[in-house]
Amino acid sequence: MNDIIYSSTRGAAEKLTASQAILKGLASDGGLFVPDHIPALDKSLEELSRMDYAQVAYEVMKLFLTDYTEDELKACIKAAYDEKFDTEEIAPLAEAADAYFLELYHGATIAFKDMALSILPHLMTTAARKNNVNNEIVILTATSGDTGKAALAGFASVPGTKIIVFYPKDGVSPIQKQQMVTQKGDNTFVVGINGNFDNAQSGVKALFANEELASWMSENKMQFSSANSINIGRLVPQIVYYVYAYTRLLKEERIRDKEYINVTVPTGNFGNILAAYYAKLMGLPIAKLICASNENKVLYDFFKSGTYDRNREFILTSSPSMDILISSNLERLIYHICSNDPNKCRSLMELLSRTGRYDISDEMQQKLEMFEGGFCDEDTTLKTIAGIYKSCGYLIDTHTAVAAGVYKSYRNRTGDQTPTVIASTASPYKFTGSVLRAIDPGYVSDDDFDKADRLFELSGVPIPSAVTDIRTAPILHKTICEVDEMEAVVRDFLSK
């Protein structure tokens, strides 16, 4: 098996192994690490269908993380996919509304980010040992709601690490915020910023690129890494669950071997759907990748027109994890469709940074034929939750509803009957207010925990421990800052 080497989307000079790329997080030139080739699955789909989640994870991840030994990788997988998940399948499939909902929210923080962030700390600490890194690893991340808590839960109290999470103070759900600000662990630090997610993400990228800060950290035996989906160690584990979903459908004889499926993904930062794209390139029979946006429909407009333009109003919606106008992982897709040309990719990213927009060529746009864009407004999102609950008794959150609404629209428009997997990215209990507004509009309460009780009363779906555990938990993180104060806040925490 050929070892995979990782280089930046913006320049091929820096060549790293998988473990080095995971440790570093973001390339020195601001680009994202990409593999020099996409490996093909080396087990048949039929063979994979006889494996459990951990075994499928090994078969997929070994192909990308080629400098990890079999023992190292299996130990990371075993530590990640254990009793932290409340279901043995790890990522079960539920059939409802003419689709298969891939439930990715059965981990510790009831969102799909757990699927990758349960394993990332183990991949990272193993990488540090492999590369004789004695510095403390400082995880620096921006979150639109879910990554933050999942990363905090993964890295809390992990020796040799600290984690700093920035979130938009008024841009996450009450449950998301409560999950983060009650996080225990001496190595954890949570900061609300006065701004939106794009401000937080841009601020974090600027800290990564700050050479003076890097020098100060090096003197103090520390180095940054990332838990965002910009880290290749986040992206690779996400490929696993698409392969797993396909093989479950095969095992249950819902599809035939090599039959094509569609995949619909609610999309903000583009990492989750990019993982499905990589699964397709590995040989998984995926026909259409349906990219579902909320009212911040920058990706829908991109797939429709070939122009990426973030110069628009930023809208706060009921699906806050998708309230994003700069989709970082799209850069990896751009790199691939411009024939892996880092110079072309860099020029487009510089244009985005300078003007807020770029246009891709007709030739590049032709390479996006497998993608289908769609968007769901707020009214349709709530109607989708209500409609599926009323017709099937199946409860979904707002982000999943965006995907389900877009899929229904796509199916009605095209008549495409291809079996379809919808990535169900969060528990309905993470967004109780919006879900209740959809299925019980007359209910009024200002308390999100009262809303959780009401949701249980109506649906019978058990309240996850991730919600009950924070009901009376003390608030431990109270820091708020402006975007231009982020560096000072980081230095202050790291100096303690």
Protein backbone atom coordinates (compact mmCIF):
# COMPACT_ATOMS: atom_id res chain seq x y z
CA MET A 1 0.00 0.00 0.00
CA ASN A 2 1.39 3.41 -0.97
CA ASP A 3 1.93 5.83 1.89
CA ILE A 4 -0.22 8.92 1.52
CA ILE A 5 1.55 12.25 1.75
CA TYR A 6 -0.31 15.43 2.71
CA SER A 7 0.36 18.88 1.29
CA SER A 8 -1.38 22.25 1.35
CA THR A 9 -4.19 23.25 -1.00
CA ARG A 10 -2.17 26.44 -1.56
CA GLY A 11 1.33 25.06 -2.13
CA ALA A 12 2.96 21.67 -2.57
CA ALA A 13 6.29 22.47 -0.84
CA GLU A 14 5.27 21.26 2.62
CA LYS A 15 4.94 17.45 2.52
CA LEU A 16 3.79 15.70 5.68
CA THR A 17 2.72 12.26 6.83
CA ALA A 18 -0.83 11.81 8.12
CA SER A 19 0.24 12.06 11.76
CA GLN A 20 2.23 15.24 11.08
CA ALA A 21 -0.71 16.81 9.24
CA ILE A 22 -3.08 15.94 12.11
CA LEU A 23 -0.68 17.49 14.63
CA LYS A 24 -0.27 20.67 12.63
CA GLY A 25 -3.95 21.13 11.73
CA LEU A 26 -3.56 24.03 9.30
CA ALA A 27 -0.76 24.37 6.72
CA SER A 28 1.86 27.10 7.16
CA ASP A 29 0.54 29.03 4.15
CA GLY A 30 -3.03 29.07 5.49
CA GLY A 31 -4.14 26.23 3.22
CA LEU A 32 -5.74 22.94 4.21
CA PHE A 33 -3.95 19.60 4.08
CA VAL A 34 -5.07 17.25 1.29
CA PRO A 35 -3.91 13.72 0.43
CA ASP A 36 -1.74 13.25 -2.68
CA HIS A 37 -4.33 10.71 -3.90
CA ILE A 38 -7.67 9.31 -2.76
CA PRO A 39 -7.21 5.59 -2.01
CA ALA A 40 -9.72 3.01 -3.24
CA LEU A 41 -11.54 0.76 -0.79
CA ASP A 42 -9.58 -2.48 -0.64
CA LYS A 43 -12.37 -4.59 0.83
CA SER A 44 -15.58 -5.38 -1.07
CA LEU A 45 -18.82 -3.74 0.06
CA GLU A 46 -20.13 -7.22 0.81
CA GLU A 47 -17.13 -7.92 3.08
CA LEU A 48 -17.61 -4.57 4.83
CA SER A 49 -21.30 -5.33 5.39
CA ARG A 50 -20.28 -8.19 7.73
CA MET A 51 -18.24 -5.83 9.95
CA ASP A 52 -19.27 -3.67 12.90
CA TYR A 53 -18.65 0.09 13.09
CA ALA A 54 -15.17 -0.14 14.62
CA GLN A 55 -14.06 -2.67 12.01
CA VAL A 56 -15.37 -0.54 9.12
CA ALA A 57 -13.63 2.48 10.70
CA TYR A 58 -10.31 0.64 10.63
CA GLU A 59 -10.72 -0.48 7.01
CA VAL A 60 -11.44 3.08 5.85
CA MET A 61 -9.04 5.02 8.06
CA LYS A 62 -6.01 2.77 7.50
CA LEU A 63 -6.10 3.83 3.83
CA PHE A 64 -5.63 7.53 4.69
CA LEU A 65 -3.60 7.37 7.92
CA THR A 66 -0.85 5.24 6.46
CA ASP A 67 1.90 6.05 8.98
CA TYR A 68 -0.16 4.80 11.93
CA THR A 69 0.51 1.15 12.76
CA GLU A 70 -2.37 -1.30 12.87
CA ASP A 71 -2.10 -1.47 16.68
CA GLU A 72 -2.01 2.33 17.03
CA LEU A 73 -5.03 2.90 14.82
CA LYS A 74 -7.09 0.09 16.35
CA ALA A 75 -6.30 1.42 19.85
CA CYS A 76 -7.52 4.90 18.83
CA ILE A 77 -10.72 3.42 17.35
CA LYS A 78 -11.37 1.27 20.43
CA ALA A 79 -10.97 4.26 22.75
CA ALA A 80 -13.32 6.39 20.63
CA TYR A 81 -16.28 4.20 19.76
CA ASP A 82 -17.22 2.77 23.14
CA GLU A 83 -19.90 3.31 25.81
CA LYS A 84 -19.77 7.08 25.15
CA PHE A 85 -22.30 6.23 22.44
CA ASP A 86 -25.76 5.25 23.62
CA THR A 87 -26.35 2.72 20.84
CA GLU A 88 -24.33 -0.33 19.87
CA GLU A 89 -24.54 0.50 16.16
CA ILE A 90 -22.82 3.89 16.83
CA ALA A 91 -24.58 5.37 13.75
CA PRO A 92 -27.98 3.68 13.26
CA LEU A 93 -30.23 4.18 10.23
CA ALA A 94 -33.92 5.04 10.62
CA GLU A 95 -36.34 4.78 7.71
CA ALA A 96 -38.83 7.67 7.44
CA ALA A 97 -40.32 9.98 4.82
CA ASP A 98 -38.99 8.02 1.81
CA ALA A 99 -35.39 8.22 3.04
CA TYR A 100 -32.91 6.64 5.45
CA PHE A 101 -31.86 8.97 8.26
CA LEU A 102 -28.29 8.28 9.36
CA GLU A 103 -28.40 9.20 13.05
CA LEU A 104 -25.03 10.72 13.85
CA TYR A 105 -25.98 12.11 17.27
CA HIS A 106 -25.68 9.18 19.66
CA GLY A 107 -22.37 10.34 21.17
CA ALA A 108 -21.57 12.31 24.30
CA THR A 109 -22.66 15.72 23.00
CA ILE A 110 -25.64 14.61 20.82
CA ALA A 111 -24.29 15.96 17.52
CA PHE A 112 -22.45 14.48 14.53
CA LYS A 113 -19.19 16.15 15.56
CA ASP A 114 -18.82 13.39 18.19
CA MET A 115 -18.24 10.88 15.39
CA ALA A 116 -14.85 12.44 14.59
CA LEU A 117 -14.04 14.31 17.80
CA SER A 118 -14.23 11.14 19.89
CA ILE A 119 -11.21 9.82 18.02
CA LEU A 120 -9.26 13.00 17.22
CA PRO A 121 -7.64 13.39 20.71
CA HIS A 122 -6.36 9.80 20.46
CA LEU A 123 -5.08 10.31 16.91
CA MET A 124 -3.39 13.51 18.03
CA THR A 125 -1.71 12.24 21.19
CA THR A 126 -0.54 9.15 19.27
CA ALA A 127 0.82 11.47 16.56
CA ALA A 128 2.73 13.49 19.18
CA ARG A 129 4.40 10.34 20.48
CA LYS A 130 5.20 9.11 16.96
CA ASN A 131 6.84 12.40 16.03
CA ASN A 132 8.70 12.89 19.35
CA VAL A 133 6.77 16.10 20.07
CA ASN A 134 7.25 17.15 23.69
CA ASN A 135 5.41 20.46 23.41
CA GLU A 136 1.98 20.86 24.94
CA ILE A 137 -0.62 20.69 22.14
CA VAL A 138 -3.01 23.67 22.29
CA ILE A 139 -6.23 22.99 20.42
CA LEU A 140 -7.58 26.27 19.06
CA THR A 141 -10.99 26.13 17.45
CA ALA A 142 -13.98 28.22 16.40
CA THR A 143 -17.46 26.77 16.63
CA SER A 144 -20.91 27.53 15.28
CA GLY A 145 -22.30 25.41 18.09
CA ASP A 146 -21.49 21.70 17.93
CA THR A 147 -17.75 21.39 17.25
CA GLY A 148 -16.98 23.36 20.42
CA LYS A 149 -18.66 21.06 22.90
CA ALA A 150 -17.62 17.88 21.09
CA ALA A 151 -13.98 19.05 21.03
CA LEU A 152 -14.13 20.13 24.68
CA ALA A 153 -15.58 16.75 25.68
CA GLY A 154 -12.91 14.94 23.65
CA PHE A 155 -9.91 16.87 24.94
CA ALA A 156 -10.98 17.65 28.53
CA SER A 157 -8.29 16.44 30.94
CA VAL A 158 -6.27 14.74 28.15
CA PRO A 159 -2.63 14.96 29.34
CA GLY A 160 -0.33 17.16 27.28
CA THR A 161 -3.17 19.21 25.77
CA LYS A 162 -5.10 22.42 26.32
CA ILE A 163 -8.20 23.47 24.39
CA ILE A 164 -9.53 26.96 23.64
CA VAL A 165 -12.94 27.33 21.98
CA PHE A 166 -14.35 30.58 20.56
CA TYR A 167 -18.09 30.78 19.84
CA PRO A 168 -20.40 33.60 18.65
CA LYS A 169 -21.98 34.85 21.89
CA ASP A 170 -25.47 35.29 20.41
CA GLY A 171 -25.19 32.75 17.57
CA VAL A 172 -25.70 29.34 19.21
CA SER A 173 -28.73 27.65 20.78
CA PRO A 174 -29.25 27.91 24.57
CA ILE A 175 -28.49 24.19 24.99
CA GLN A 176 -25.34 24.48 22.86
CA LYS A 177 -24.16 27.43 24.95
CA GLN A 178 -24.96 25.72 28.25
CA GLN A 179 -23.06 22.61 27.13
CA MET A 180 -19.93 24.68 26.49
CA VAL A 181 -19.94 27.11 29.44
CA THR A 182 -20.43 24.27 31.97
CA GLN A 183 -17.49 22.25 30.60
CA LYS A 184 -15.20 20.86 33.30
CA GLY A 185 -11.44 20.34 32.96
CA ASP A 186 -8.49 22.53 33.99
CA ASN A 187 -7.20 22.43 30.41
CA THR A 188 -10.42 23.84 28.88
CA PHE A 189 -11.22 27.49 28.07
CA VAL A 190 -14.40 28.75 26.40
CA VAL A 191 -14.77 32.30 25.08
CA GLY A 192 -17.83 34.03 23.63
CA ILE A 193 -17.06 36.67 21.01
CA ASN A 194 -19.09 39.70 20.01
CA GLY A 195 -19.56 38.69 16.39
CA ASN A 196 -20.73 35.80 14.22
CA PHE A 197 -19.13 32.43 13.44
CA ASP A 198 -17.28 33.75 10.38
CA ASN A 199 -15.66 36.39 12.64
CA ALA A 200 -14.63 33.67 15.09
CA GLN A 201 -13.29 31.40 12.34
CA SER A 202 -11.33 34.21 10.66
CA GLY A 203 -9.92 35.23 14.06
CA VAL A 204 -8.75 31.69 14.77
CA LYS A 205 -7.10 31.41 11.32
CA ALA A 206 -5.30 34.70 12.00
CA LEU A 207 -3.97 33.29 15.30
CA PHE A 208 -2.65 30.23 13.47
CA ALA A 209 -0.86 32.51 11.00
CA ASN A 210 0.58 34.81 13.72
CA GLU A 211 4.33 34.15 13.64
CA GLU A 212 5.06 36.25 16.73
CA LEU A 213 2.50 34.26 18.73
CA ALA A 214 3.91 30.97 17.38
CA SER A 215 7.40 32.01 18.47
CA TRP A 216 6.17 32.94 21.97
CA MET A 217 4.41 29.58 22.25
CA SER A 218 7.47 27.68 21.06
CA GLU A 219 9.56 29.41 23.74
CA ASN A 220 7.00 28.20 26.25
CA LYS A 221 6.99 24.65 24.86
CA MET A 222 3.52 24.84 23.29
CA GLN A 223 2.17 24.54 19.75
CA PHE A 224 -1.25 25.06 18.15
CA SER A 225 -3.38 22.46 16.45
CA SER A 226 -7.01 22.48 15.35
CA ALA A 227 -10.12 20.44 16.09
CA ASN A 228 -12.16 22.09 13.35
CA SER A 229 -13.03 20.13 10.22
CA ILE A 230 -10.07 21.91 8.62
CA ASN A 231 -7.98 19.23 10.42
CA ILE A 232 -7.61 16.14 8.23
CA GLY A 233 -7.95 14.08 11.43
CA ARG A 234 -11.53 15.33 11.66
CA LEU A 235 -12.36 14.69 8.02
CA VAL A 236 -11.11 11.09 7.65
CA PRO A 237 -13.29 9.65 10.47
CA GLN A 238 -16.32 11.29 8.86
CA ILE A 239 -15.82 9.26 5.67
CA VAL A 240 -16.39 6.12 7.74
CA TYR A 241 -20.06 6.61 8.49
CA TYR A 242 -21.07 6.97 4.84
CA VAL A 243 -19.36 3.67 4.04
CA TYR A 244 -20.97 2.13 7.13
CA ALA A 245 -24.44 3.43 6.14
CA TYR A 246 -24.16 1.93 2.66
CA THR A 247 -23.06 -1.44 4.02
CA ARG A 248 -25.94 -1.50 6.55
CA LEU A 249 -28.43 -0.97 3.72
CA LEU A 250 -26.69 -3.80 1.86
CA LYS A 251 -26.70 -6.08 4.92
CA GLU A 252 -30.42 -5.46 5.49
CA GLU A 253 -31.11 -6.12 1.77
CA ARG A 254 -32.60 -2.66 1.29
CA ILE A 255 -30.23 -2.20 -1.67
CA ARG A 256 -28.33 -4.56 -3.96
CA ASP A 257 -24.54 -4.78 -4.05
CA LYS A 258 -23.12 -1.85 -6.08
CA GLU A 259 -26.57 -0.20 -6.36
CA TYR A 260 -26.26 3.59 -6.30
CA ILE A 261 -27.55 5.74 -3.46
CA ASN A 262 -27.90 9.51 -3.03
CA VAL A 263 -26.62 11.31 0.05
CA THR A 264 -28.19 14.51 1.41
CA VAL A 265 -26.19 16.56 3.92
CA PRO A 266 -27.14 19.76 5.81
CA THR A 267 -24.10 21.88 5.09
CA GLY A 268 -22.35 24.88 6.62
CA ASN A 269 -18.57 24.52 6.71
CA PHE A 270 -18.67 21.82 3.97
CA GLY A 271 -16.69 19.19 5.89
CA ASN A 272 -19.49 16.63 6.30
CA ILE A 273 -20.46 16.57 2.62
CA LEU A 274 -16.79 16.65 1.57
CA ALA A 275 -16.37 13.40 3.53
CA ALA A 276 -19.20 11.89 1.44
CA TYR A 277 -17.44 13.14 -1.72
CA TYR A 278 -14.23 11.39 -0.60
CA ALA A 279 -16.27 8.21 0.07
CA LYS A 280 -17.57 8.41 -3.51
CA LEU A 281 -14.02 8.85 -4.85
CA MET A 282 -12.98 5.76 -2.85
CA GLY A 283 -15.51 3.71 -4.80
CA LEU A 284 -18.69 3.95 -2.71
CA PRO A 285 -21.64 3.90 -5.19
CA ILE A 286 -22.99 7.42 -4.59
CA ALA A 287 -24.88 9.05 -7.47
CA LYS A 288 -25.82 12.51 -6.19
CA LEU A 289 -24.40 14.51 -3.31
CA ILE A 290 -27.25 16.84 -2.32
CA CYS A 291 -25.89 19.91 -0.52
CA ALA A 292 -28.62 21.39 1.72
CA SER A 293 -28.32 25.00 2.89
CA ASN A 294 -30.48 27.14 5.15
CA GLU A 295 -31.20 30.80 4.34
CA ASN A 296 -27.44 31.50 4.39
CA LYS A 297 -27.41 29.84 0.98
CA VAL A 298 -23.94 30.77 -0.22
CA LEU A 299 -23.26 27.12 -1.21
CA TYR A 300 -26.57 26.74 -3.07
CA ASP A 301 -25.74 29.85 -5.09
CA PHE A 302 -22.22 28.54 -5.74
CA PHE A 303 -23.40 25.21 -7.15
CA LYS A 304 -26.04 26.96 -9.23
CA SER A 305 -23.84 29.73 -10.67
CA GLY A 306 -20.14 28.84 -10.21
CA THR A 307 -19.69 32.04 -8.19
CA TYR A 308 -18.84 31.93 -4.50
CA ASP A 309 -19.91 35.23 -2.96
CA ARG A 310 -19.99 35.85 0.78
CA ASN A 311 -20.89 39.53 0.34
CA ARG A 312 -24.42 39.23 1.68
CA GLU A 313 -26.48 39.60 4.83
CA PHE A 314 -25.64 37.09 7.57
CA ILE A 315 -28.90 35.53 8.77
CA LEU A 316 -29.41 33.97 12.21
CA THR A 317 -31.62 30.91 11.71
CA SER A 318 -33.02 28.01 13.73
CA SER A 319 -30.18 25.84 12.33
CA PRO A 320 -27.25 27.86 13.75
CA SER A 321 -24.51 25.32 13.00
CA MET A 322 -25.12 26.16 9.32
CA ASP A 323 -25.11 29.93 9.77
CA ILE A 324 -21.85 30.27 7.85
CA LEU A 325 -20.84 32.36 4.84
CA ILE A 326 -17.21 31.19 4.56
CA SER A 327 -17.29 27.41 4.08
CA SER A 328 -13.71 26.50 4.88
CA ASN A 329 -13.74 22.93 3.58
CA LEU A 330 -14.95 24.03 0.16
CA GLU A 331 -11.29 24.96 -0.43
CA ARG A 332 -10.44 21.24 -0.55
CA LEU A 333 -13.09 20.64 -3.21
CA ILE A 334 -11.85 23.66 -5.21
CA TYR A 335 -8.32 22.19 -5.08
CA HIS A 336 -9.54 18.87 -6.47
CA ILE A 337 -11.65 20.36 -9.28
CA CYS A 338 -8.81 22.61 -10.45
CA SER A 339 -6.78 19.43 -11.10
CA ASN A 340 -4.95 19.60 -7.75
CA ASP A 341 -3.26 22.87 -8.80
CA PRO A 342 -2.26 24.68 -5.56
CA ASN A 343 -1.41 27.91 -7.42
CA LYS A 344 -4.88 28.12 -8.96
CA CYS A 345 -6.49 27.27 -5.63
CA ARG A 346 -4.38 29.85 -3.78
CA SER A 347 -5.29 32.61 -6.25
CA LEU A 348 -9.01 31.90 -5.76
CA MET A 349 -8.66 31.91 -1.96
CA GLU A 350 -6.73 35.19 -2.09
CA LEU A 351 -9.51 36.63 -4.23
CA LEU A 352 -12.06 35.47 -1.62
CA SER A 353 -10.05 37.07 1.16
CA ARG A 354 -9.60 40.33 -0.76
CA THR A 355 -12.99 40.76 -2.44
CA GLY A 356 -15.28 38.24 -0.72
CA ARG A 357 -15.95 36.31 -3.94
CA TYR A 358 -14.49 34.26 -6.78
CA ASP A 359 -15.69 32.58 -9.97
CA ILE A 360 -14.70 29.09 -11.09
CA SER A 361 -14.14 28.16 -14.74
CA ASP A 362 -16.67 26.25 -16.85
CA GLU A 363 -14.26 23.31 -16.85
CA MET A 364 -14.20 23.28 -13.04
CA GLN A 365 -17.96 23.60 -12.86
CA GLN A 366 -18.38 20.53 -15.08
CA LYS A 367 -16.54 18.51 -12.44
CA LEU A 368 -19.31 19.33 -9.96
CA GLU A 369 -22.00 17.40 -11.82
CA MET A 370 -22.46 14.95 -8.94
CA PHE A 371 -23.41 17.83 -6.63
CA GLU A 372 -26.95 19.15 -6.35
CA GLY A 373 -27.62 22.29 -4.30
CA GLY A 374 -30.82 23.19 -2.49
CA PHE A 375 -31.94 25.45 0.34
CA CYS A 376 -34.71 25.54 2.91
CA ASP A 377 -36.21 28.70 4.40
CA GLU A 378 -37.27 28.92 8.06
CA ASP A 379 -40.94 28.27 7.40
CA THR A 380 -40.23 25.14 5.33
CA THR A 381 -37.77 23.88 7.96
CA LEU A 382 -40.43 23.96 10.70
CA LYS A 383 -43.09 22.52 8.38
CA THR A 384 -40.72 19.66 7.53
CA ILE A 385 -40.23 18.81 11.21
CA ALA A 386 -44.00 18.91 11.78
CA GLY A 387 -44.82 16.95 8.61
CA ILE A 388 -42.41 14.08 9.30
CA TYR A 389 -43.44 13.89 12.96
CA LYS A 390 -47.14 13.85 12.06
CA SER A 391 -46.83 11.30 9.24
CA CYS A 392 -44.17 8.97 10.69
CA GLY A 393 -43.88 9.79 14.39
CA TYR A 394 -40.19 10.45 13.70
CA LEU A 395 -38.60 13.47 15.39
CA ILE A 396 -35.75 15.42 13.76
CA ASP A 397 -33.84 18.58 14.60
CA THR A 398 -33.71 21.77 12.51
CA HIS A 399 -30.49 20.95 10.62
CA THR A 400 -31.76 17.52 9.64
CA ALA A 401 -35.03 19.19 8.64
CA VAL A 402 -33.17 21.49 6.25
CA ALA A 403 -31.72 18.39 4.58
CA ALA A 404 -35.08 16.57 4.54
CA GLY A 405 -36.84 19.63 3.10
CA VAL A 406 -34.23 20.03 0.37
CA TYR A 407 -34.38 16.30 -0.42
CA LYS A 408 -38.19 16.36 -0.72
CA SER A 409 -37.97 19.34 -3.07
CA TYR A 410 -35.25 17.62 -5.15
CA ARG A 411 -37.26 14.40 -5.40
CA ASN A 412 -40.45 16.22 -6.39
CA ARG A 413 -38.59 18.24 -9.02
CA THR A 414 -36.59 15.40 -10.58
CA GLY A 415 -38.62 12.27 -9.89
CA ASP A 416 -35.34 10.62 -8.79
CA GLN A 417 -36.27 7.48 -6.82
CA THR A 418 -32.67 6.51 -5.94
CA PRO A 419 -32.47 5.26 -2.31
CA THR A 420 -31.27 8.23 -0.26
CA VAL A 421 -29.38 8.58 3.01
CA ILE A 422 -29.92 11.85 4.91
CA ALA A 423 -27.23 12.82 7.39
CA SER A 424 -29.12 13.48 10.64
CA THR A 425 -26.64 15.70 12.39
CA ALA A 426 -28.09 16.53 15.81
CA SER A 427 -30.57 15.33 18.39
CA PRO A 428 -33.89 17.23 18.42
CA TYR A 429 -33.11 17.91 22.09
CA LYS A 430 -30.26 20.19 21.10
CA PHE A 431 -32.76 22.60 19.51
CA THR A 432 -35.82 22.07 21.68
CA GLY A 433 -37.28 25.56 21.19
CA SER A 434 -37.40 25.32 17.40
CA VAL A 435 -38.58 21.69 17.36
CA LEU A 436 -41.41 22.50 19.78
CA ARG A 437 -42.36 25.55 17.73
CA ALA A 438 -42.87 23.13 14.84
CA ILE A 439 -44.84 20.38 16.57
CA ASP A 440 -46.49 22.24 19.48
CA PRO A 441 -46.68 25.92 18.46
CA GLY A 442 -49.00 26.82 21.35
CA TYR A 443 -46.47 25.85 24.03
CA VAL A 444 -44.68 28.81 25.65
CA SER A 445 -41.69 28.72 28.00
CA ASP A 446 -38.44 30.62 28.37
CA ASP A 447 -36.67 27.61 29.88
CA ASP A 448 -34.99 25.18 27.47
CA PHE A 449 -35.11 22.40 30.06
CA ASP A 450 -38.87 22.82 30.48
CA LYS A 451 -39.04 22.56 26.70
CA ALA A 452 -37.06 19.32 26.83
CA ASP A 453 -39.58 17.91 29.33
CA ARG A 454 -42.44 18.95 27.04
CA LEU A 455 -40.76 17.37 24.02
CA PHE A 456 -40.40 14.10 25.93
CA GLU A 457 -44.03 14.29 27.05
CA LEU A 458 -45.16 14.67 23.43
CA SER A 459 -42.80 12.32 21.63
CA GLY A 460 -41.69 9.71 24.15
CA VAL A 461 -38.15 10.10 22.77
CA PRO A 462 -35.89 9.87 25.88
CA ILE A 463 -34.06 13.03 26.96
CA PRO A 464 -30.32 12.36 26.41
CA SER A 465 -27.98 12.52 29.40
CA ALA A 466 -26.09 15.28 27.54
CA VAL A 467 -29.10 17.50 28.33
CA THR A 468 -30.04 16.23 31.80
CA ASP A 469 -26.42 16.47 33.00
CA ILE A 470 -26.19 20.23 32.32
CA ARG A 471 -29.59 21.15 33.78
CA THR A 472 -28.10 22.22 37.12
CA ALA A 473 -24.39 22.34 36.22
CA PRO A 474 -22.52 25.48 37.35
CA ILE A 475 -21.32 27.95 34.70
CA LEU A 476 -17.51 27.73 34.65
CA HIS A 477 -16.65 29.84 31.58
CA LYS A 478 -17.75 33.49 31.56
CA THR A 479 -15.17 35.21 29.31
CA ILE A 480 -16.50 37.43 26.50
CA CYS A 481 -14.24 39.36 24.13
CA GLU A 482 -14.11 41.38 20.92
CA VAL A 483 -12.58 39.79 17.82
CA ASP A 484 -9.48 41.99 18.09
CA GLU A 485 -8.95 40.83 21.69
CA MET A 486 -8.71 37.11 20.82
CA GLU A 487 -4.89 37.00 20.85
CA ALA A 488 -4.67 38.72 24.24
CA VAL A 489 -7.24 36.33 25.70
CA VAL A 490 -5.31 33.31 24.36
CA ARG A 491 -1.99 34.56 25.74
CA ASP A 492 -3.58 35.23 29.12
CA PHE A 493 -5.03 31.70 29.42
CA LEU A 494 -1.79 30.04 28.27
CA SER A 495 0.26 32.11 30.74
CA LYS A 496 -1.58 30.71 33.75
